[in-house]
Amino acid sequence: MQVPEKQGYTYEDYYSWNDGKRYELIDGKVYMMSPAPSPAHQEICVGLVTQLYNYLRGKTCKVYPAPFDVRLNADAEDNTVVQPDITIVCDPSKIDSRACKGVPDMVVEILSPSTAKRDQLLKYNKYRDAGVLEYWVVNPDLRTVMVYTLKDGQYVCSAYGDSDNVKVGILDDCQINFADVFPPAPPDKLLSPDIPPWEEVLD
């Protein structure tokens, strides 16, 4: 099916779409998700989820890899539904049979060419304004991790490399060893900052 054309979609519209494609909904506007992620993207995701899951086993906080719906403003307009690569939720009452209904405690986005601009600008602002306590942006090409921690309504940034141990601020004594997360860099590939700022938007 085709997504019907109108202005101001909500979560109920989003949930009714069954064309097999993945979308995000931000301020009522529909955004296409990227094609299948790269092998490097998936290796990073699996490495992160594995370390987080092992730490969180038996604890209240839970980790959810994509595809997983996060309804950022479920108690208001309910017109923003995102699918972070990794989501951590520490309040079990926010999890229902469909999604996270409310603001998660932490999200991780692993950059892909088609969504890098959205992750670093639009979603950065939405996560900050919604009150997500910690936002990590992992760049597979540059092999870097940007950690944004919410303080007084603004994100404070710390930068890390591919061999660093990075503390998860919302979790006691949890550190991610990125030497075990990033796949080996191809020997014939120099680090490249070229991530095209392209994304498809459905008005």
C-alpha atoms as a PDB file:
ATOM      1  CA  MET A   1       0.000   0.000   0.000  1.00  0.00           C
ATOM      2  CA  GLN A   2       0.988   3.620  -0.452  1.00  0.00           C
ATOM      3  CA  VAL A   3       1.098   5.924   2.539  1.00  0.00           C
ATOM      4  CA  PRO A   4      -1.920   8.228   2.064  1.00  0.00           C
ATOM      5  CA  GLU A   5      -1.049  11.845   1.431  1.00  0.00           C
ATOM      6  CA  LYS A   6      -2.050  14.255   4.154  1.00  0.00           C
ATOM      7  CA  GLN A   7      -0.548  16.653   6.659  1.00  0.00           C
ATOM      8  CA  GLY A   8      -0.012  15.898  10.305  1.00  0.00           C
ATOM      9  CA  TYR A   9       0.210  12.122  10.703  1.00  0.00           C
ATOM     10  CA  THR A  10      -0.066  10.538  14.165  1.00  0.00           C
ATOM     11  CA  TYR A  11       1.022   7.246  15.676  1.00  0.00           C
ATOM     12  CA  GLU A  12      -2.315   5.619  14.869  1.00  0.00           C
ATOM     13  CA  ASP A  13      -1.791   6.476  11.184  1.00  0.00           C
ATOM     14  CA  TYR A  14       1.747   5.135  11.366  1.00  0.00           C
ATOM     15  CA  TYR A  15       0.677   1.893  13.002  1.00  0.00           C
ATOM     16  CA  SER A  16      -1.920   1.248  10.283  1.00  0.00           C
ATOM     17  CA  TRP A  17       0.622   1.225   7.439  1.00  0.00           C
ATOM     18  CA  ASN A  18       1.394  -2.331   6.329  1.00  0.00           C
ATOM     19  CA  ASP A  19       3.362  -2.008   3.100  1.00  0.00           C
ATOM     20  CA  GLY A  20       6.428  -3.751   4.526  1.00  0.00           C
ATOM     21  CA  LYS A  21       8.543  -0.574   4.457  1.00  0.00           C
ATOM     22  CA  ARG A  22      10.057   1.153   7.460  1.00  0.00           C
ATOM     23  CA  TYR A  23       9.271   4.769   8.264  1.00  0.00           C
ATOM     24  CA  GLU A  24       9.865   7.310  10.989  1.00  0.00           C
ATOM     25  CA  LEU A  25       7.374   9.990  11.921  1.00  0.00           C
ATOM     26  CA  ILE A  26       8.736  13.316  13.174  1.00  0.00           C
ATOM     27  CA  ASP A  27       6.384  16.187  13.975  1.00  0.00           C
ATOM     28  CA  GLY A  28       3.751  14.517  11.805  1.00  0.00           C
ATOM     29  CA  LYS A  29       6.016  14.212   8.745  1.00  0.00           C
ATOM     30  CA  VAL A  30       6.937  10.836   7.248  1.00  0.00           C
ATOM     31  CA  TYR A  31      10.572   9.903   6.647  1.00  0.00           C
ATOM     32  CA  MET A  32      11.701   6.806   4.795  1.00  0.00           C
ATOM     33  CA  MET A  33      14.156   4.619   6.670  1.00  0.00           C
ATOM     34  CA  SER A  34      17.401   3.698   4.926  1.00  0.00           C
ATOM     35  CA  PRO A  35      17.855   0.506   2.884  1.00  0.00           C
ATOM     36  CA  ALA A  36      19.411  -2.502   4.614  1.00  0.00           C
ATOM     37  CA  PRO A  37      22.348  -1.313   6.746  1.00  0.00           C
ATOM     38  CA  SER A  38      25.951  -2.093   5.833  1.00  0.00           C
ATOM     39  CA  PRO A  39      27.784  -5.056   7.365  1.00  0.00           C
ATOM     40  CA  ALA A  40      29.916  -2.632   9.415  1.00  0.00           C
ATOM     41  CA  HIS A  41      26.766  -0.948  10.759  1.00  0.00           C
ATOM     42  CA  GLN A  42      25.350  -4.315  11.811  1.00  0.00           C
ATOM     43  CA  GLU A  43      28.586  -5.526  13.392  1.00  0.00           C
ATOM     44  CA  ILE A  44      28.723  -2.346  15.485  1.00  0.00           C
ATOM     45  CA  CYS A  45      25.096  -2.725  16.483  1.00  0.00           C
ATOM     46  CA  VAL A  46      25.551  -6.358  17.526  1.00  0.00           C
ATOM     47  CA  GLY A  47      28.718  -5.508  19.467  1.00  0.00           C
ATOM     48  CA  LEU A  48      26.997  -2.731  21.389  1.00  0.00           C
ATOM     49  CA  VAL A  49      23.816  -4.676  22.085  1.00  0.00           C
ATOM     50  CA  THR A  50      25.809  -7.683  23.283  1.00  0.00           C
ATOM     51  CA  GLN A  51      27.757  -5.673  25.853  1.00  0.00           C
ATOM     52  CA  LEU A  52      24.673  -3.762  26.991  1.00  0.00           C
ATOM     53  CA  TYR A  53      22.521  -6.884  27.226  1.00  0.00           C
ATOM     54  CA  ASN A  54      25.137  -8.748  29.244  1.00  0.00           C
ATOM     55  CA  TYR A  55      25.397  -5.844  31.695  1.00  0.00           C
ATOM     56  CA  LEU A  56      21.631  -5.323  31.984  1.00  0.00           C
ATOM     57  CA  ARG A  57      20.677  -8.976  32.425  1.00  0.00           C
ATOM     58  CA  GLY A  58      18.504  -9.212  35.532  1.00  0.00           C
ATOM     59  CA  LYS A  59      18.272  -5.430  35.917  1.00  0.00           C
ATOM     60  CA  THR A  60      15.302  -3.074  35.522  1.00  0.00           C
ATOM     61  CA  CYS A  61      16.686  -1.254  32.480  1.00  0.00           C
ATOM     62  CA  LYS A  62      16.301  -3.097  29.171  1.00  0.00           C
ATOM     63  CA  VAL A  63      17.990  -2.722  25.790  1.00  0.00           C
ATOM     64  CA  TYR A  64      16.048  -2.892  22.519  1.00  0.00           C
ATOM     65  CA  PRO A  65      17.707  -3.007  19.072  1.00  0.00           C
ATOM     66  CA  ALA A  66      15.956  -1.742  15.947  1.00  0.00           C
ATOM     67  CA  PRO A  67      13.393  -2.134  14.610  1.00  0.00           C
ATOM     68  CA  PHE A  68      11.743  -0.827  17.772  1.00  0.00           C
ATOM     69  CA  ASP A  69       9.244   2.033  17.870  1.00  0.00           C
ATOM     70  CA  VAL A  70       9.779   4.923  20.279  1.00  0.00           C
ATOM     71  CA  ARG A  71       6.794   7.260  20.679  1.00  0.00           C
ATOM     72  CA  LEU A  72       8.635  10.332  21.926  1.00  0.00           C
ATOM     73  CA  ASN A  73       5.570  12.484  22.589  1.00  0.00           C
ATOM     74  CA  ALA A  74       2.963   9.786  23.226  1.00  0.00           C
ATOM     75  CA  ASP A  75       1.290  11.828  25.970  1.00  0.00           C
ATOM     76  CA  ALA A  76       0.910  14.920  23.762  1.00  0.00           C
ATOM     77  CA  GLU A  77       0.471  15.138  19.977  1.00  0.00           C
ATOM     78  CA  ASP A  78       1.763  11.556  19.515  1.00  0.00           C
ATOM     79  CA  ASN A  79       3.127  12.567  16.112  1.00  0.00           C
ATOM     80  CA  THR A  80       6.774  11.546  16.554  1.00  0.00           C
ATOM     81  CA  VAL A  81       7.735   7.872  16.242  1.00  0.00           C
ATOM     82  CA  VAL A  82      11.413   7.057  15.758  1.00  0.00           C
ATOM     83  CA  GLN A  83      13.388   3.825  15.458  1.00  0.00           C
ATOM     84  CA  PRO A  84      16.819   4.323  17.034  1.00  0.00           C
ATOM     85  CA  ASP A  85      19.392   1.668  16.302  1.00  0.00           C
ATOM     86  CA  ILE A  86      19.533   0.938  20.051  1.00  0.00           C
ATOM     87  CA  THR A  87      17.194   2.065  22.824  1.00  0.00           C
ATOM     88  CA  ILE A  88      17.529   1.689  26.598  1.00  0.00           C
ATOM     89  CA  VAL A  89      14.429   2.065  28.758  1.00  0.00           C
ATOM     90  CA  CYS A  90      14.600   1.947  32.570  1.00  0.00           C
ATOM     91  CA  ASP A  91      10.903   2.481  33.350  1.00  0.00           C
ATOM     92  CA  PRO A  92       8.992  -0.759  32.634  1.00  0.00           C
ATOM     93  CA  SER A  93       5.672   1.117  32.576  1.00  0.00           C
ATOM     94  CA  LYS A  94       6.739   2.781  29.316  1.00  0.00           C
ATOM     95  CA  ILE A  95       6.879  -0.545  27.452  1.00  0.00           C
ATOM     96  CA  ASP A  96       3.637  -1.849  25.970  1.00  0.00           C
ATOM     97  CA  SER A  97       2.964  -4.569  23.412  1.00  0.00           C
ATOM     98  CA  ARG A  98       3.862  -2.251  20.534  1.00  0.00           C
ATOM     99  CA  ALA A  99       6.565   0.185  21.540  1.00  0.00           C
ATOM    100  CA  CYS A 100       8.176   2.475  24.060  1.00  0.00           C
ATOM    101  CA  LYS A 101       5.409   4.867  25.007  1.00  0.00           C
ATOM    102  CA  GLY A 102       7.321   7.914  26.142  1.00  0.00           C
ATOM    103  CA  VAL A 103      10.914   9.116  26.427  1.00  0.00           C
ATOM    104  CA  PRO A 104      13.635   6.442  26.700  1.00  0.00           C
ATOM    105  CA  ASP A 105      16.649   6.932  28.932  1.00  0.00           C
ATOM    106  CA  MET A 106      19.255   6.461  26.196  1.00  0.00           C
ATOM    107  CA  VAL A 107      19.403   6.030  22.443  1.00  0.00           C
ATOM    108  CA  VAL A 108      22.196   5.113  20.044  1.00  0.00           C
ATOM    109  CA  GLU A 109      22.276   5.948  16.352  1.00  0.00           C
ATOM    110  CA  ILE A 110      24.851   4.350  14.047  1.00  0.00           C
ATOM    111  CA  LEU A 111      25.297   6.617  11.051  1.00  0.00           C
ATOM    112  CA  SER A 112      24.329   5.481   7.566  1.00  0.00           C
ATOM    113  CA  PRO A 113      24.748   7.603   4.435  1.00  0.00           C
ATOM    114  CA  SER A 114      21.016   8.085   3.938  1.00  0.00           C
ATOM    115  CA  THR A 115      20.173   9.055   7.524  1.00  0.00           C
ATOM    116  CA  ALA A 116      23.296  10.791   8.864  1.00  0.00           C
ATOM    117  CA  LYS A 117      21.905  14.301   8.481  1.00  0.00           C
ATOM    118  CA  ARG A 118      18.635  13.378  10.140  1.00  0.00           C
ATOM    119  CA  ASP A 119      20.384  11.600  13.023  1.00  0.00           C
ATOM    120  CA  GLN A 120      22.778  14.472  13.696  1.00  0.00           C
ATOM    121  CA  LEU A 121      20.375  17.385  13.304  1.00  0.00           C
ATOM    122  CA  LEU A 122      16.665  16.653  13.386  1.00  0.00           C
ATOM    123  CA  LYS A 123      16.715  13.679  15.730  1.00  0.00           C
ATOM    124  CA  TYR A 124      19.426  15.237  17.889  1.00  0.00           C
ATOM    125  CA  ASN A 125      17.082  18.148  18.557  1.00  0.00           C
ATOM    126  CA  LYS A 126      14.072  15.891  19.131  1.00  0.00           C
ATOM    127  CA  TYR A 127      15.949  13.698  21.611  1.00  0.00           C
ATOM    128  CA  ARG A 128      17.291  16.721  23.486  1.00  0.00           C
ATOM    129  CA  ASP A 129      13.941  18.512  23.648  1.00  0.00           C
ATOM    130  CA  ALA A 130      12.117  15.333  24.695  1.00  0.00           C
ATOM    131  CA  GLY A 131      14.560  14.796  27.557  1.00  0.00           C
ATOM    132  CA  VAL A 132      16.542  11.733  26.450  1.00  0.00           C
ATOM    133  CA  LEU A 133      19.303  11.641  29.066  1.00  0.00           C
ATOM    134  CA  GLU A 134      22.028  10.201  26.866  1.00  0.00           C
ATOM    135  CA  TYR A 135      22.443  10.105  23.083  1.00  0.00           C
ATOM    136  CA  TRP A 136      25.314   8.299  21.375  1.00  0.00           C
ATOM    137  CA  VAL A 137      26.200   8.814  17.701  1.00  0.00           C
ATOM    138  CA  VAL A 138      28.545   6.200  16.255  1.00  0.00           C
ATOM    139  CA  ASN A 139      30.314   6.966  12.969  1.00  0.00           C
ATOM    140  CA  PRO A 140      31.468   3.739  11.254  1.00  0.00           C
ATOM    141  CA  ASP A 141      33.581   5.609   8.692  1.00  0.00           C
ATOM    142  CA  LEU A 142      35.441   7.875  11.123  1.00  0.00           C
ATOM    143  CA  ARG A 143      35.387   5.174  13.811  1.00  0.00           C
ATOM    144  CA  THR A 144      34.284   7.700  16.411  1.00  0.00           C
ATOM    145  CA  VAL A 145      31.650   7.910  19.115  1.00  0.00           C
ATOM    146  CA  MET A 146      30.005  11.173  20.142  1.00  0.00           C
ATOM    147  CA  VAL A 147      28.342  10.982  23.551  1.00  0.00           C
ATOM    148  CA  TYR A 148      25.745  13.646  24.308  1.00  0.00           C
ATOM    149  CA  THR A 149      24.712  13.947  27.961  1.00  0.00           C
ATOM    150  CA  LEU A 150      21.723  16.073  28.938  1.00  0.00           C
ATOM    151  CA  LYS A 151      22.523  18.820  31.442  1.00  0.00           C
ATOM    152  CA  ASP A 152      20.117  21.667  32.192  1.00  0.00           C
ATOM    153  CA  GLY A 153      18.161  21.005  28.998  1.00  0.00           C
ATOM    154  CA  GLN A 154      21.195  21.002  26.691  1.00  0.00           C
ATOM    155  CA  TYR A 155      23.494  18.266  25.432  1.00  0.00           C
ATOM    156  CA  VAL A 156      27.138  18.288  26.525  1.00  0.00           C
ATOM    157  CA  CYS A 157      29.349  16.405  24.075  1.00  0.00           C
ATOM    158  CA  SER A 158      32.307  14.079  24.670  1.00  0.00           C
ATOM    159  CA  ALA A 159      34.204  12.430  21.810  1.00  0.00           C
ATOM    160  CA  TYR A 160      35.820   8.986  21.758  1.00  0.00           C
ATOM    161  CA  GLY A 161      37.745   6.770  19.362  1.00  0.00           C
ATOM    162  CA  ASP A 162      37.561   3.151  18.288  1.00  0.00           C
ATOM    163  CA  SER A 163      39.796   1.785  21.060  1.00  0.00           C
ATOM    164  CA  ASP A 164      38.289   3.691  23.987  1.00  0.00           C
ATOM    165  CA  ASN A 165      36.292   2.430  26.936  1.00  0.00           C
ATOM    166  CA  VAL A 166      33.211   4.629  27.152  1.00  0.00           C
ATOM    167  CA  LYS A 167      31.147   4.893  30.330  1.00  0.00           C
ATOM    168  CA  VAL A 168      27.382   4.708  29.997  1.00  0.00           C
ATOM    169  CA  GLY A 169      26.287   7.641  32.118  1.00  0.00           C
ATOM    170  CA  ILE A 170      22.801   6.372  32.936  1.00  0.00           C
ATOM    171  CA  LEU A 171      24.118   2.995  34.185  1.00  0.00           C
ATOM    172  CA  ASP A 172      26.286   2.370  37.227  1.00  0.00           C
ATOM    173  CA  ASP A 173      29.714   0.938  36.426  1.00  0.00           C
ATOM    174  CA  CYS A 174      28.885   0.095  32.802  1.00  0.00           C
ATOM    175  CA  GLN A 175      31.601   0.736  30.235  1.00  0.00           C
ATOM    176  CA  ILE A 176      31.579  -0.163  26.566  1.00  0.00           C
ATOM    177  CA  ASN A 177      34.856  -1.406  25.136  1.00  0.00           C
ATOM    178  CA  PHE A 178      34.821  -0.082  21.582  1.00  0.00           C
ATOM    179  CA  ALA A 179      37.848  -2.149  20.623  1.00  0.00           C
ATOM    180  CA  ASP A 180      35.384  -5.053  20.699  1.00  0.00           C
ATOM    181  CA  VAL A 181      32.667  -3.122  18.851  1.00  0.00           C
ATOM    182  CA  PHE A 182      34.218  -1.690  15.693  1.00  0.00           C
ATOM    183  CA  PRO A 183      35.084  -4.227  13.000  1.00  0.00           C
ATOM    184  CA  PRO A 184      38.686  -4.156  11.724  1.00  0.00           C
ATOM    185  CA  ALA A 185      39.278  -1.249   9.355  1.00  0.00           C
ATOM    186  CA  PRO A 186      39.857  -2.395   5.746  1.00  0.00           C
ATOM    187  CA  PRO A 187      43.584  -1.927   5.062  1.00  0.00           C
ATOM    188  CA  ASP A 188      42.940  -0.236   1.715  1.00  0.00           C
ATOM    189  CA  LYS A 189      40.426   2.275   3.075  1.00  0.00           C
ATOM    190  CA  LEU A 190      41.436   5.587   4.589  1.00  0.00           C
ATOM    191  CA  LEU A 191      39.141   7.118   7.152  1.00  0.00           C
ATOM    192  CA  SER A 192      36.662   9.207   5.217  1.00  0.00           C
ATOM    193  CA  PRO A 193      34.342  11.930   6.542  1.00  0.00           C
ATOM    194  CA  ASP A 194      32.228  11.764   3.393  1.00  0.00           C
ATOM    195  CA  ILE A 195      28.735  10.862   4.544  1.00  0.00           C
ATOM    196  CA  PRO A 196      26.229  12.232   2.032  1.00  0.00           C
ATOM    197  CA  PRO A 197      23.557  14.398   3.650  1.00  0.00           C
ATOM    198  CA  TRP A 198      20.800  12.806   1.552  1.00  0.00           C
ATOM    199  CA  GLU A 199      17.497  11.603   2.900  1.00  0.00           C
ATOM    200  CA  GLU A 200      14.100  10.943   1.377  1.00  0.00           C
ATOM    201  CA  VAL A 201      11.204  12.852   2.887  1.00  0.00           C
ATOM    202  CA  LEU A 202       7.558  12.173   2.159  1.00  0.00           C
ATOM    203  CA  ASP A 203       5.569  15.374   2.579  1.00  0.00           C
END
